[in-house]
mmCIF file of all heavy atoms, coordinates in Angstrom:
data_MODEL
# 
_entry.id   MODEL 
# 
loop_
_atom_site.group_PDB 
_atom_site.id 
_atom_site.type_symbol 
_atom_site.label_atom_id 
_atom_site.label_alt_id 
_atom_site.label_comp_id 
_atom_site.label_asym_id 
_atom_site.label_entity_id 
_atom_site.label_seq_id 
_atom_site.pdbx_PDB_ins_code 
_atom_site.Cartn_x 
_atom_site.Cartn_y 
_atom_site.Cartn_z 
_atom_site.occupancy 
_atom_site.B_iso_or_equiv 
_atom_site.pdbx_formal_charge 
_atom_site.auth_seq_id 
_atom_site.auth_comp_id 
_atom_site.auth_asym_id 
_atom_site.auth_atom_id 
_atom_site.pdbx_PDB_model_num 
ATOM 1   N N   . MET A 1 1  ? -13.118 87.287 -124.124 1.00 0.00 ? 1  MET A N   1 
ATOM 2   C CA  . MET A 1 1  ? -12.042 87.271 -123.135 1.00 0.00 ? 1  MET A CA  1 
ATOM 3   C C   . MET A 1 1  ? -12.365 86.295 -122.005 1.00 0.00 ? 1  MET A C   1 
ATOM 4   O O   . MET A 1 1  ? -11.501 85.544 -121.560 1.00 0.00 ? 1  MET A O   1 
ATOM 5   C CB  . MET A 1 1  ? -11.790 88.675 -122.582 1.00 0.00 ? 1  MET A CB  1 
ATOM 6   C CG  . MET A 1 1  ? -11.133 89.608 -123.594 1.00 0.00 ? 1  MET A CG  1 
ATOM 7   S SD  . MET A 1 1  ? -10.983 91.306 -123.016 1.00 0.00 ? 1  MET A SD  1 
ATOM 8   C CE  . MET A 1 1  ? -10.013 91.106 -121.551 1.00 0.00 ? 1  MET A CE  1 
ATOM 9   N N   . VAL A 1 2  ? -13.616 86.279 -121.561 1.00 0.00 ? 2  VAL A N   1 
ATOM 10  C CA  . VAL A 1 2  ? -14.031 85.348 -120.507 1.00 0.00 ? 2  VAL A CA  1 
ATOM 11  C C   . VAL A 1 2  ? -13.892 83.915 -120.998 1.00 0.00 ? 2  VAL A C   1 
ATOM 12  O O   . VAL A 1 2  ? -13.388 83.035 -120.292 1.00 0.00 ? 2  VAL A O   1 
ATOM 13  C CB  . VAL A 1 2  ? -15.480 85.643 -120.053 1.00 0.00 ? 2  VAL A CB  1 
ATOM 14  C CG1 . VAL A 1 2  ? -16.036 84.517 -119.192 1.00 0.00 ? 2  VAL A CG1 1 
ATOM 15  C CG2 . VAL A 1 2  ? -15.537 86.964 -119.303 1.00 0.00 ? 2  VAL A CG2 1 
ATOM 16  N N   . LEU A 1 3  ? -14.314 83.647 -122.229 1.00 0.00 ? 3  LEU A N   1 
ATOM 17  C CA  . LEU A 1 3  ? -14.220 82.308 -122.802 1.00 0.00 ? 3  LEU A CA  1 
ATOM 18  C C   . LEU A 1 3  ? -12.764 81.863 -122.913 1.00 0.00 ? 3  LEU A C   1 
ATOM 19  O O   . LEU A 1 3  ? -12.411 80.750 -122.522 1.00 0.00 ? 3  LEU A O   1 
ATOM 20  C CB  . LEU A 1 3  ? -14.889 82.277 -124.178 1.00 0.00 ? 3  LEU A CB  1 
ATOM 21  C CG  . LEU A 1 3  ? -14.881 80.941 -124.900 1.00 0.00 ? 3  LEU A CG  1 
ATOM 22  C CD1 . LEU A 1 3  ? -15.679 79.905 -124.121 1.00 0.00 ? 3  LEU A CD1 1 
ATOM 23  C CD2 . LEU A 1 3  ? -15.445 81.094 -126.297 1.00 0.00 ? 3  LEU A CD2 1 
ATOM 24  N N   . ILE A 1 4  ? -11.909 82.721 -123.394 1.00 0.00 ? 4  ILE A N   1 
ATOM 25  C CA  . ILE A 1 4  ? -10.491 82.384 -123.542 1.00 0.00 ? 4  ILE A CA  1 
ATOM 26  C C   . ILE A 1 4  ? -9.845  82.166 -122.179 1.00 0.00 ? 4  ILE A C   1 
ATOM 27  O O   . ILE A 1 4  ? -9.122  81.198 -121.963 1.00 0.00 ? 4  ILE A O   1 
ATOM 28  C CB  . ILE A 1 4  ? -9.744  83.472 -124.346 1.00 0.00 ? 4  ILE A CB  1 
ATOM 29  C CG1 . ILE A 1 4  ? -10.205 83.435 -125.806 1.00 0.00 ? 4  ILE A CG1 1 
ATOM 30  C CG2 . ILE A 1 4  ? -8.233  83.299 -124.237 1.00 0.00 ? 4  ILE A CG2 1 
ATOM 31  C CD1 . ILE A 1 4  ? -9.743  84.613 -126.633 1.00 0.00 ? 4  ILE A CD1 1 
ATOM 32  N N   . THR A 1 5  ? -10.128 83.053 -121.233 1.00 0.00 ? 5  THR A N   1 
ATOM 33  C CA  . THR A 1 5  ? -9.570  82.918 -119.886 1.00 0.00 ? 5  THR A CA  1 
ATOM 34  C C   . THR A 1 5  ? -10.033 81.619 -119.240 1.00 0.00 ? 5  THR A C   1 
ATOM 35  O O   . THR A 1 5  ? -9.246  80.886 -118.653 1.00 0.00 ? 5  THR A O   1 
ATOM 36  C CB  . THR A 1 5  ? -9.960  84.123 -119.009 1.00 0.00 ? 5  THR A CB  1 
ATOM 37  O OG1 . THR A 1 5  ? -9.500  85.314 -119.644 1.00 0.00 ? 5  THR A OG1 1 
ATOM 38  C CG2 . THR A 1 5  ? -9.366  84.008 -117.624 1.00 0.00 ? 5  THR A CG2 1 
ATOM 39  N N   . GLY A 1 6  ? -11.322 81.318 -119.360 1.00 0.00 ? 6  GLY A N   1 
ATOM 40  C CA  . GLY A 1 6  ? -11.858 80.074 -118.803 1.00 0.00 ? 6  GLY A CA  1 
ATOM 41  C C   . GLY A 1 6  ? -11.213 78.859 -119.423 1.00 0.00 ? 6  GLY A C   1 
ATOM 42  O O   . GLY A 1 6  ? -10.886 77.891 -118.742 1.00 0.00 ? 6  GLY A O   1 
ATOM 43  N N   . THR A 1 7  ? -10.998 78.891 -120.721 1.00 0.00 ? 7  THR A N   1 
ATOM 44  C CA  . THR A 1 7  ? -10.359 77.775 -121.412 1.00 0.00 ? 7  THR A CA  1 
ATOM 45  C C   . THR A 1 7  ? -8.927  77.596 -120.922 1.00 0.00 ? 7  THR A C   1 
ATOM 46  O O   . THR A 1 7  ? -8.485  76.479 -120.666 1.00 0.00 ? 7  THR A O   1 
ATOM 47  C CB  . THR A 1 7  ? -10.372 78.001 -122.935 1.00 0.00 ? 7  THR A CB  1 
ATOM 48  O OG1 . THR A 1 7  ? -11.725 78.142 -123.358 1.00 0.00 ? 7  THR A OG1 1 
ATOM 49  C CG2 . THR A 1 7  ? -9.727  76.854 -123.672 1.00 0.00 ? 7  THR A CG2 1 
ATOM 50  N N   . LEU A 1 8  ? -8.201  78.674 -120.762 1.00 0.00 ? 8  LEU A N   1 
ATOM 51  C CA  . LEU A 1 8  ? -6.818  78.588 -120.284 1.00 0.00 ? 8  LEU A CA  1 
ATOM 52  C C   . LEU A 1 8  ? -6.756  78.078 -118.853 1.00 0.00 ? 8  LEU A C   1 
ATOM 53  O O   . LEU A 1 8  ? -5.904  77.259 -118.514 1.00 0.00 ? 8  LEU A O   1 
ATOM 54  C CB  . LEU A 1 8  ? -6.121  79.951 -120.397 1.00 0.00 ? 8  LEU A CB  1 
ATOM 55  C CG  . LEU A 1 8  ? -5.844  80.436 -121.821 1.00 0.00 ? 8  LEU A CG  1 
ATOM 56  C CD1 . LEU A 1 8  ? -5.302  81.857 -121.792 1.00 0.00 ? 8  LEU A CD1 1 
ATOM 57  C CD2 . LEU A 1 8  ? -4.874  79.507 -122.534 1.00 0.00 ? 8  LEU A CD2 1 
ATOM 58  N N   . LEU A 1 9  ? -7.664  78.541 -118.010 1.00 0.00 ? 9  LEU A N   1 
ATOM 59  C CA  . LEU A 1 9  ? -7.691  78.069 -116.634 1.00 0.00 ? 9  LEU A CA  1 
ATOM 60  C C   . LEU A 1 9  ? -8.022  76.591 -116.583 1.00 0.00 ? 9  LEU A C   1 
ATOM 61  O O   . LEU A 1 9  ? -7.430  75.833 -115.827 1.00 0.00 ? 9  LEU A O   1 
ATOM 62  C CB  . LEU A 1 9  ? -8.705  78.866 -115.809 1.00 0.00 ? 9  LEU A CB  1 
ATOM 63  C CG  . LEU A 1 9  ? -8.332  80.309 -115.512 1.00 0.00 ? 9  LEU A CG  1 
ATOM 64  C CD1 . LEU A 1 9  ? -9.488  81.026 -114.831 1.00 0.00 ? 9  LEU A CD1 1 
ATOM 65  C CD2 . LEU A 1 9  ? -7.078  80.374 -114.662 1.00 0.00 ? 9  LEU A CD2 1 
ATOM 66  N N   . TYR A 1 10 ? -8.980  76.139 -117.395 1.00 0.00 ? 10 TYR A N   1 
ATOM 67  C CA  . TYR A 1 10 ? -9.358  74.727 -117.417 1.00 0.00 ? 10 TYR A CA  1 
ATOM 68  C C   . TYR A 1 10 ? -8.204  73.872 -117.925 1.00 0.00 ? 10 TYR A C   1 
ATOM 69  O O   . TYR A 1 10 ? -7.947  72.797 -117.397 1.00 0.00 ? 10 TYR A O   1 
ATOM 70  C CB  . TYR A 1 10 ? -10.595 74.513 -118.286 1.00 0.00 ? 10 TYR A CB  1 
ATOM 71  C CG  . TYR A 1 10 ? -11.006 73.068 -118.351 1.00 0.00 ? 10 TYR A CG  1 
ATOM 72  C CD1 . TYR A 1 10 ? -11.629 72.461 -117.265 1.00 0.00 ? 10 TYR A CD1 1 
ATOM 73  C CD2 . TYR A 1 10 ? -10.740 72.300 -119.477 1.00 0.00 ? 10 TYR A CD2 1 
ATOM 74  C CE1 . TYR A 1 10 ? -11.986 71.134 -117.301 1.00 0.00 ? 10 TYR A CE1 1 
ATOM 75  C CE2 . TYR A 1 10 ? -11.093 70.966 -119.522 1.00 0.00 ? 10 TYR A CE2 1 
ATOM 76  C CZ  . TYR A 1 10 ? -11.725 70.391 -118.435 1.00 0.00 ? 10 TYR A CZ  1 
ATOM 77  O OH  . TYR A 1 10 ? -12.072 69.077 -118.478 1.00 0.00 ? 10 TYR A OH  1 
ATOM 78  N N   . ALA A 1 11 ? -7.483  74.350 -118.916 1.00 0.00 ? 11 ALA A N   1 
ATOM 79  C CA  . ALA A 1 11 ? -6.365  73.587 -119.476 1.00 0.00 ? 11 ALA A CA  1 
ATOM 80  C C   . ALA A 1 11 ? -5.296  73.338 -118.424 1.00 0.00 ? 11 ALA A C   1 
ATOM 81  O O   . ALA A 1 11 ? -4.629  72.310 -118.432 1.00 0.00 ? 11 ALA A O   1 
ATOM 82  C CB  . ALA A 1 11 ? -5.771  74.324 -120.670 1.00 0.00 ? 11 ALA A CB  1 
ATOM 83  N N   . ASN A 1 12 ? -5.141  74.260 -117.495 1.00 0.00 ? 12 ASN A N   1 
ATOM 84  C CA  . ASN A 1 12 ? -4.140  74.108 -116.450 1.00 0.00 ? 12 ASN A CA  1 
ATOM 85  C C   . ASN A 1 12 ? -4.615  73.222 -115.307 1.00 0.00 ? 12 ASN A C   1 
ATOM 86  O O   . ASN A 1 12 ? -3.848  72.907 -114.413 1.00 0.00 ? 12 ASN A O   1 
ATOM 87  C CB  . ASN A 1 12 ? -3.723  75.475 -115.906 1.00 0.00 ? 12 ASN A CB  1 
ATOM 88  C CG  . ASN A 1 12 ? -2.916  76.253 -116.922 1.00 0.00 ? 12 ASN A CG  1 
ATOM 89  O OD1 . ASN A 1 12 ? -2.223  75.662 -117.738 1.00 0.00 ? 12 ASN A OD1 1 
ATOM 90  N ND2 . ASN A 1 12 ? -3.014  77.565 -116.888 1.00 0.00 ? 12 ASN A ND2 1 
ATOM 91  N N   . THR A 1 13 ? -5.887  72.831 -115.297 1.00 0.00 ? 13 THR A N   1 
ATOM 92  C CA  . THR A 1 13 ? -6.407  72.013 -114.218 1.00 0.00 ? 13 THR A CA  1 
ATOM 93  C C   . THR A 1 13 ? -6.801  70.618 -114.676 1.00 0.00 ? 13 THR A C   1 
ATOM 94  O O   . THR A 1 13 ? -7.548  69.948 -114.015 1.00 0.00 ? 13 THR A O   1 
ATOM 95  C CB  . THR A 1 13 ? -7.621  72.702 -113.560 1.00 0.00 ? 13 THR A CB  1 
ATOM 96  O OG1 . THR A 1 13 ? -8.649  72.849 -114.543 1.00 0.00 ? 13 THR A OG1 1 
ATOM 97  C CG2 . THR A 1 13 ? -7.260  74.038 -112.968 1.00 0.00 ? 13 THR A CG2 1 
ATOM 98  N N   . ILE A 1 14 ? -6.303  70.191 -115.823 1.00 0.00 ? 14 ILE A N   1 
ATOM 99  C CA  . ILE A 1 14 ? -6.602  68.848 -116.298 1.00 0.00 ? 14 ILE A CA  1 
ATOM 100 C C   . ILE A 1 14 ? -6.033  67.866 -115.287 1.00 0.00 ? 14 ILE A C   1 
ATOM 101 O O   . ILE A 1 14 ? -4.868  67.952 -114.912 1.00 0.00 ? 14 ILE A O   1 
ATOM 102 C CB  . ILE A 1 14 ? -5.996  68.612 -117.694 1.00 0.00 ? 14 ILE A CB  1 
ATOM 103 C CG1 . ILE A 1 14 ? -6.681  69.512 -118.704 1.00 0.00 ? 14 ILE A CG1 1 
ATOM 104 C CG2 . ILE A 1 14 ? -6.119  67.141 -118.095 1.00 0.00 ? 14 ILE A CG2 1 
ATOM 105 C CD1 . ILE A 1 14 ? -6.057  69.501 -120.071 1.00 0.00 ? 14 ILE A CD1 1 
ATOM 106 N N   . PRO A 1 15 ? -6.867  66.936 -114.813 1.00 0.00 ? 15 PRO A N   1 
ATOM 107 C CA  . PRO A 1 15 ? -6.378  65.982 -113.806 1.00 0.00 ? 15 PRO A CA  1 
ATOM 108 C C   . PRO A 1 15 ? -5.195  65.169 -114.333 1.00 0.00 ? 15 PRO A C   1 
ATOM 109 O O   . PRO A 1 15 ? -5.136  64.812 -115.498 1.00 0.00 ? 15 PRO A O   1 
ATOM 110 C CB  . PRO A 1 15 ? -7.589  65.067 -113.581 1.00 0.00 ? 15 PRO A CB  1 
ATOM 111 C CG  . PRO A 1 15 ? -8.759  65.840 -114.068 1.00 0.00 ? 15 PRO A CG  1 
ATOM 112 C CD  . PRO A 1 15 ? -8.250  66.730 -115.158 1.00 0.00 ? 15 PRO A CD  1 
ATOM 113 N N   . GLN A 1 16 ? -4.275  64.901 -113.458 1.00 0.00 ? 16 GLN A N   1 
ATOM 114 C CA  . GLN A 1 16 ? -3.092  64.120 -113.808 1.00 0.00 ? 16 GLN A CA  1 
ATOM 115 C C   . GLN A 1 16 ? -3.247  62.709 -113.240 1.00 0.00 ? 16 GLN A C   1 
ATOM 116 O O   . GLN A 1 16 ? -2.297  62.115 -112.766 1.00 0.00 ? 16 GLN A O   1 
ATOM 117 C CB  . GLN A 1 16 ? -1.846  64.810 -113.285 1.00 0.00 ? 16 GLN A CB  1 
ATOM 118 C CG  . GLN A 1 16 ? -1.603  66.136 -113.978 1.00 0.00 ? 16 GLN A CG  1 
ATOM 119 C CD  . GLN A 1 16 ? -0.437  66.868 -113.393 1.00 0.00 ? 16 GLN A CD  1 
ATOM 120 O OE1 . GLN A 1 16 ? -0.584  67.573 -112.417 1.00 0.00 ? 16 GLN A OE1 1 
ATOM 121 N NE2 . GLN A 1 16 ? 0.716   66.692 -113.984 1.00 0.00 ? 16 GLN A NE2 1 
ATOM 122 N N   . LYS A 1 17 ? -4.476  62.196 -113.298 1.00 0.00 ? 17 LYS A N   1 
ATOM 123 C CA  . LYS A 1 17 ? -4.789  60.890 -112.751 1.00 0.00 ? 17 LYS A CA  1 
ATOM 124 C C   . LYS A 1 17 ? -5.633  60.107 -113.745 1.00 0.00 ? 17 LYS A C   1 
ATOM 125 O O   . LYS A 1 17 ? -6.315  60.680 -114.579 1.00 0.00 ? 17 LYS A O   1 
ATOM 126 C CB  . LYS A 1 17 ? -5.549  61.035 -111.439 1.00 0.00 ? 17 LYS A CB  1 
ATOM 127 C CG  . LYS A 1 17 ? -4.773  61.757 -110.368 1.00 0.00 ? 17 LYS A CG  1 
ATOM 128 C CD  . LYS A 1 17 ? -5.600  61.965 -109.142 1.00 0.00 ? 17 LYS A CD  1 
ATOM 129 C CE  . LYS A 1 17 ? -4.801  62.784 -108.138 1.00 0.00 ? 17 LYS A CE  1 
ATOM 130 N NZ  . LYS A 1 17 ? -5.648  63.595 -107.321 1.00 0.00 ? 17 LYS A NZ  1 
ATOM 131 N N   . ILE A 1 18 ? -5.568  58.784 -113.637 1.00 0.00 ? 18 ILE A N   1 
ATOM 132 C CA  . ILE A 1 18 ? -6.358  57.896 -114.480 1.00 0.00 ? 18 ILE A CA  1 
ATOM 133 C C   . ILE A 1 18 ? -7.019  56.863 -113.577 1.00 0.00 ? 18 ILE A C   1 
ATOM 134 O O   . ILE A 1 18 ? -6.337  56.168 -112.812 1.00 0.00 ? 18 ILE A O   1 
ATOM 135 C CB  . ILE A 1 18 ? -5.469  57.156 -115.505 1.00 0.00 ? 18 ILE A CB  1 
ATOM 136 C CG1 . ILE A 1 18 ? -4.781  58.145 -116.430 1.00 0.00 ? 18 ILE A CG1 1 
ATOM 137 C CG2 . ILE A 1 18 ? -6.300  56.158 -116.309 1.00 0.00 ? 18 ILE A CG2 1 
ATOM 138 C CD1 . ILE A 1 18 ? -3.719  57.511 -117.313 1.00 0.00 ? 18 ILE A CD1 1 
ATOM 139 N N   . ASN A 1 19 ? -8.335  56.753 -113.662 1.00 0.00 ? 19 ASN A N   1 
ATOM 140 C CA  . ASN A 1 19 ? -9.044  55.729 -112.917 1.00 0.00 ? 19 ASN A CA  1 
ATOM 141 C C   . ASN A 1 19 ? -8.847  54.397 -113.636 1.00 0.00 ? 19 ASN A C   1 
ATOM 142 O O   . ASN A 1 19 ? -9.064  54.295 -114.838 1.00 0.00 ? 19 ASN A O   1 
ATOM 143 C CB  . ASN A 1 19 ? -10.529 56.079 -112.826 1.00 0.00 ? 19 ASN A CB  1 
ATOM 144 C CG  . ASN A 1 19 ? -11.279 55.156 -111.905 1.00 0.00 ? 19 ASN A CG  1 
ATOM 145 O OD1 . ASN A 1 19 ? -10.708 54.555 -111.009 1.00 0.00 ? 19 ASN A OD1 1 
ATOM 146 N ND2 . ASN A 1 19 ? -12.570 55.052 -112.121 1.00 0.00 ? 19 ASN A ND2 1 
ATOM 147 N N   . TYR A 1 20 ? -8.405  53.384 -112.900 1.00 0.00 ? 20 TYR A N   1 
ATOM 148 C CA  . TYR A 1 20 ? -8.121  52.086 -113.512 1.00 0.00 ? 20 TYR A CA  1 
ATOM 149 C C   . TYR A 1 20 ? -8.719  50.982 -112.656 1.00 0.00 ? 20 TYR A C   1 
ATOM 150 O O   . TYR A 1 20 ? -8.536  50.964 -111.438 1.00 0.00 ? 20 TYR A O   1 
ATOM 151 C CB  . TYR A 1 20 ? -6.609  51.888 -113.638 1.00 0.00 ? 20 TYR A CB  1 
ATOM 152 C CG  . TYR A 1 20 ? -6.234  50.588 -114.295 1.00 0.00 ? 20 TYR A CG  1 
ATOM 153 C CD1 . TYR A 1 20 ? -6.300  50.445 -115.680 1.00 0.00 ? 20 TYR A CD1 1 
ATOM 154 C CD2 . TYR A 1 20 ? -5.843  49.491 -113.536 1.00 0.00 ? 20 TYR A CD2 1 
ATOM 155 C CE1 . TYR A 1 20 ? -5.978  49.247 -116.286 1.00 0.00 ? 20 TYR A CE1 1 
ATOM 156 C CE2 . TYR A 1 20 ? -5.509  48.297 -114.141 1.00 0.00 ? 20 TYR A CE2 1 
ATOM 157 C CZ  . TYR A 1 20 ? -5.586  48.175 -115.513 1.00 0.00 ? 20 TYR A CZ  1 
ATOM 158 O OH  . TYR A 1 20 ? -5.269  46.991 -116.124 1.00 0.00 ? 20 TYR A OH  1 
ATOM 159 N N   . SER A 1 21 ? -9.438  50.078 -113.287 1.00 0.00 ? 21 SER A N   1 
ATOM 160 C CA  . SER A 1 21 ? -10.002 48.914 -112.608 1.00 0.00 ? 21 SER A CA  1 
ATOM 161 C C   . SER A 1 21 ? -9.435  47.660 -113.244 1.00 0.00 ? 21 SER A C   1 
ATOM 162 O O   . SER A 1 21 ? -9.187  47.622 -114.452 1.00 0.00 ? 21 SER A O   1 
ATOM 163 C CB  . SER A 1 21 ? -11.525 48.895 -112.746 1.00 0.00 ? 21 SER A CB  1 
ATOM 164 O OG  . SER A 1 21 ? -12.086 50.003 -112.110 1.00 0.00 ? 21 SER A OG  1 
ATOM 165 N N   . GLY A 1 22 ? -9.253  46.638 -112.443 1.00 0.00 ? 22 GLY A N   1 
ATOM 166 C CA  . GLY A 1 22 ? -8.736  45.389 -112.966 1.00 0.00 ? 22 GLY A CA  1 
ATOM 167 C C   . GLY A 1 22 ? -9.153  44.219 -112.101 1.00 0.00 ? 22 GLY A C   1 
ATOM 168 O O   . GLY A 1 22 ? -9.806  44.383 -111.063 1.00 0.00 ? 22 GLY A O   1 
ATOM 169 N N   . SER A 1 23 ? -8.795  43.044 -112.547 1.00 0.00 ? 23 SER A N   1 
ATOM 170 C CA  . SER A 1 23 ? -9.071  41.844 -111.752 1.00 0.00 ? 23 SER A CA  1 
ATOM 171 C C   . SER A 1 23 ? -7.781  41.055 -111.609 1.00 0.00 ? 23 SER A C   1 
ATOM 172 O O   . SER A 1 23 ? -6.961  41.003 -112.525 1.00 0.00 ? 23 SER A O   1 
ATOM 173 C CB  . SER A 1 23 ? -10.161 40.999 -112.405 1.00 0.00 ? 23 SER A CB  1 
ATOM 174 O OG  . SER A 1 23 ? -9.742  40.535 -113.666 1.00 0.00 ? 23 SER A OG  1 
ATOM 175 N N   . LEU A 1 24 ? -7.615  40.482 -110.443 1.00 0.00 ? 24 LEU A N   1 
ATOM 176 C CA  . LEU A 1 24 ? -6.446  39.660 -110.155 1.00 0.00 ? 24 LEU A CA  1 
ATOM 177 C C   . LEU A 1 24 ? -6.903  38.220 -109.963 1.00 0.00 ? 24 LEU A C   1 
ATOM 178 O O   . LEU A 1 24 ? -7.814  37.950 -109.177 1.00 0.00 ? 24 LEU A O   1 
ATOM 179 C CB  . LEU A 1 24 ? -5.732  40.136 -108.886 1.00 0.00 ? 24 LEU A CB  1 
ATOM 180 C CG  . LEU A 1 24 ? -5.063  41.499 -108.935 1.00 0.00 ? 24 LEU A CG  1 
ATOM 181 C CD1 . LEU A 1 24 ? -4.424  41.822 -107.583 1.00 0.00 ? 24 LEU A CD1 1 
ATOM 182 C CD2 . LEU A 1 24 ? -4.013  41.540 -110.027 1.00 0.00 ? 24 LEU A CD2 1 
ATOM 183 N N   . THR A 1 25 ? -6.265  37.321 -110.713 1.00 0.00 ? 25 THR A N   1 
ATOM 184 C CA  . THR A 1 25 ? -6.568  35.896 -110.584 1.00 0.00 ? 25 THR A CA  1 
ATOM 185 C C   . THR A 1 25 ? -5.266  35.123 -110.461 1.00 0.00 ? 25 THR A C   1 
ATOM 186 O O   . THR A 1 25 ? -4.196  35.630 -110.799 1.00 0.00 ? 25 THR A O   1 
ATOM 187 C CB  . THR A 1 25 ? -7.337  35.375 -111.815 1.00 0.00 ? 25 THR A CB  1 
ATOM 188 O OG1 . THR A 1 25 ? -6.520  35.537 -112.985 1.00 0.00 ? 25 THR A OG1 1 
ATOM 189 C CG2 . THR A 1 25 ? -8.651  36.126 -112.014 1.00 0.00 ? 25 THR A CG2 1 
# 
């Protein structure tokens, strides 16, 4: 139950961001 609950809580906290690096020339 702890494992399932932890998995469900983690699934709801997946970041909605993407780190992106680039170069401008």
